[in-house]
Amino acid sequence: MDEQPTYVTAAGLQKLEAEYKELKEVTIPAMAVRIDDAKQLGDLSENADYQEAKDEMVWLQSKLAELEDKLRKVKV
């Protein structure tokens, strides 16, 4: 099955690239630190901050994969 391209303007491409870079270089590393900090608080089964951070990390990684896919198929 052929993949459908994602059509964007040059400005749209810059926006996608900036969002991807922000997630990969800033947001996800910061979330990893938050998860590590929450781990230090002790019992993970009753640690709401840890669970919330893990859930958010899954969402962020999913968003990153979605952006990677769009950028791979982009046509300006």
C-alpha atoms as a PDB file:
ATOM      1  CA  MET A   1       0.000   0.000   0.000  1.00  0.00           C
ATOM      2  CA  ASP A   2       1.367   3.411  -0.975  1.00  0.00           C
ATOM      3  CA  GLU A   3       1.716   5.954   1.783  1.00  0.00           C
ATOM      4  CA  GLN A   4      -0.132   9.203   1.297  1.00  0.00           C
ATOM      5  CA  PRO A   5       2.127  12.256   1.536  1.00  0.00           C
ATOM      6  CA  THR A   6       1.495  14.961   4.091  1.00  0.00           C
ATOM      7  CA  TYR A   7       1.189  18.240   2.224  1.00  0.00           C
ATOM      8  CA  VAL A   8       2.335  21.352   4.099  1.00  0.00           C
ATOM      9  CA  THR A   9       3.515  24.854   3.375  1.00  0.00           C
ATOM     10  CA  ALA A  10       7.112  25.843   4.071  1.00  0.00           C
ATOM     11  CA  ALA A  11       5.889  27.527   7.261  1.00  0.00           C
ATOM     12  CA  GLY A  12       3.968  24.386   8.186  1.00  0.00           C
ATOM     13  CA  LEU A  13       7.115  22.310   7.730  1.00  0.00           C
ATOM     14  CA  GLN A  14       9.058  24.666  10.003  1.00  0.00           C
ATOM     15  CA  LYS A  15       6.323  24.362  12.622  1.00  0.00           C
ATOM     16  CA  LEU A  16       6.387  20.538  12.468  1.00  0.00           C
ATOM     17  CA  GLU A  17      10.185  20.495  12.683  1.00  0.00           C
ATOM     18  CA  ALA A  18      10.174  22.907  15.634  1.00  0.00           C
ATOM     19  CA  GLU A  19       7.559  20.827  17.470  1.00  0.00           C
ATOM     20  CA  TYR A  20       9.552  17.651  16.819  1.00  0.00           C
ATOM     21  CA  LYS A  21      12.793  19.236  18.044  1.00  0.00           C
ATOM     22  CA  GLU A  22      11.101  20.626  21.185  1.00  0.00           C
ATOM     23  CA  LEU A  23       9.634  17.222  22.058  1.00  0.00           C
ATOM     24  CA  LYS A  24      12.834  15.297  21.374  1.00  0.00           C
ATOM     25  CA  GLU A  25      15.346  17.676  22.937  1.00  0.00           C
ATOM     26  CA  VAL A  26      13.398  19.402  25.726  1.00  0.00           C
ATOM     27  CA  THR A  27      10.024  17.954  26.690  1.00  0.00           C
ATOM     28  CA  ILE A  28      10.825  14.223  26.696  1.00  0.00           C
ATOM     29  CA  PRO A  29      14.171  14.614  28.523  1.00  0.00           C
ATOM     30  CA  ALA A  30      12.440  16.814  31.123  1.00  0.00           C
ATOM     31  CA  MET A  31       9.752  14.162  31.566  1.00  0.00           C
ATOM     32  CA  ALA A  32      12.444  11.505  32.022  1.00  0.00           C
ATOM     33  CA  VAL A  33      13.905  13.604  34.849  1.00  0.00           C
ATOM     34  CA  ARG A  34      10.433  13.969  36.380  1.00  0.00           C
ATOM     35  CA  ILE A  35       9.951  10.185  36.252  1.00  0.00           C
ATOM     36  CA  ASP A  36      13.351   9.630  37.846  1.00  0.00           C
ATOM     37  CA  ASP A  37      12.554  12.165  40.577  1.00  0.00           C
ATOM     38  CA  ALA A  38       9.209  10.483  41.243  1.00  0.00           C
ATOM     39  CA  LYS A  39      10.954   7.097  41.515  1.00  0.00           C
ATOM     40  CA  GLN A  40      13.065   8.498  44.320  1.00  0.00           C
ATOM     41  CA  LEU A  41       9.936   9.116  46.389  1.00  0.00           C
ATOM     42  CA  GLY A  42       9.545   5.447  47.216  1.00  0.00           C
ATOM     43  CA  ASP A  43       6.678   2.992  46.709  1.00  0.00           C
ATOM     44  CA  LEU A  44       5.793   3.217  43.023  1.00  0.00           C
ATOM     45  CA  SER A  45       2.471   1.380  43.416  1.00  0.00           C
ATOM     46  CA  GLU A  46       1.080   4.273  45.455  1.00  0.00           C
ATOM     47  CA  ASN A  47       2.998   7.099  43.775  1.00  0.00           C
ATOM     48  CA  ALA A  48       0.477   9.123  41.752  1.00  0.00           C
ATOM     49  CA  ASP A  49       3.116  11.527  40.418  1.00  0.00           C
ATOM     50  CA  TYR A  50       5.157   8.627  39.056  1.00  0.00           C
ATOM     51  CA  GLN A  51       2.145   7.053  37.345  1.00  0.00           C
ATOM     52  CA  GLU A  52       1.027  10.386  35.897  1.00  0.00           C
ATOM     53  CA  ALA A  53       4.530  11.080  34.587  1.00  0.00           C
ATOM     54  CA  LYS A  54       4.756   7.604  33.024  1.00  0.00           C
ATOM     55  CA  ASP A  55       1.369   8.082  31.330  1.00  0.00           C
ATOM     56  CA  GLU A  56       2.416  11.479  30.005  1.00  0.00           C
ATOM     57  CA  MET A  57       5.704  10.021  28.732  1.00  0.00           C
ATOM     58  CA  VAL A  58       3.786   7.390  26.752  1.00  0.00           C
ATOM     59  CA  TRP A  59       1.655  10.151  25.205  1.00  0.00           C
ATOM     60  CA  LEU A  60       4.736  12.256  24.391  1.00  0.00           C
ATOM     61  CA  GLN A  61       6.497   9.326  22.747  1.00  0.00           C
ATOM     62  CA  SER A  62       3.384   8.586  20.715  1.00  0.00           C
ATOM     63  CA  LYS A  63       3.238  12.216  19.591  1.00  0.00           C
ATOM     64  CA  LEU A  64       6.930  12.088  18.652  1.00  0.00           C
ATOM     65  CA  ALA A  65       6.354   8.954  16.539  1.00  0.00           C
ATOM     66  CA  GLU A  66       3.393  10.653  14.844  1.00  0.00           C
ATOM     67  CA  LEU A  67       5.525  13.685  13.992  1.00  0.00           C
ATOM     68  CA  GLU A  68       8.337  11.453  12.694  1.00  0.00           C
ATOM     69  CA  ASP A  69       5.835   9.745  10.405  1.00  0.00           C
ATOM     70  CA  LYS A  70       4.471  13.067   9.128  1.00  0.00           C
ATOM     71  CA  LEU A  71       7.956  14.447   8.530  1.00  0.00           C
ATOM     72  CA  ARG A  72       8.977  11.299   6.679  1.00  0.00           C
ATOM     73  CA  LYS A  73       6.063  11.709   4.259  1.00  0.00           C
ATOM     74  CA  VAL A  74       6.020  15.509   3.984  1.00  0.00           C
ATOM     75  CA  LYS A  75       5.675  17.306   0.663  1.00  0.00           C
ATOM     76  CA  VAL A  76       6.065  21.080   0.617  1.00  0.00           C
END
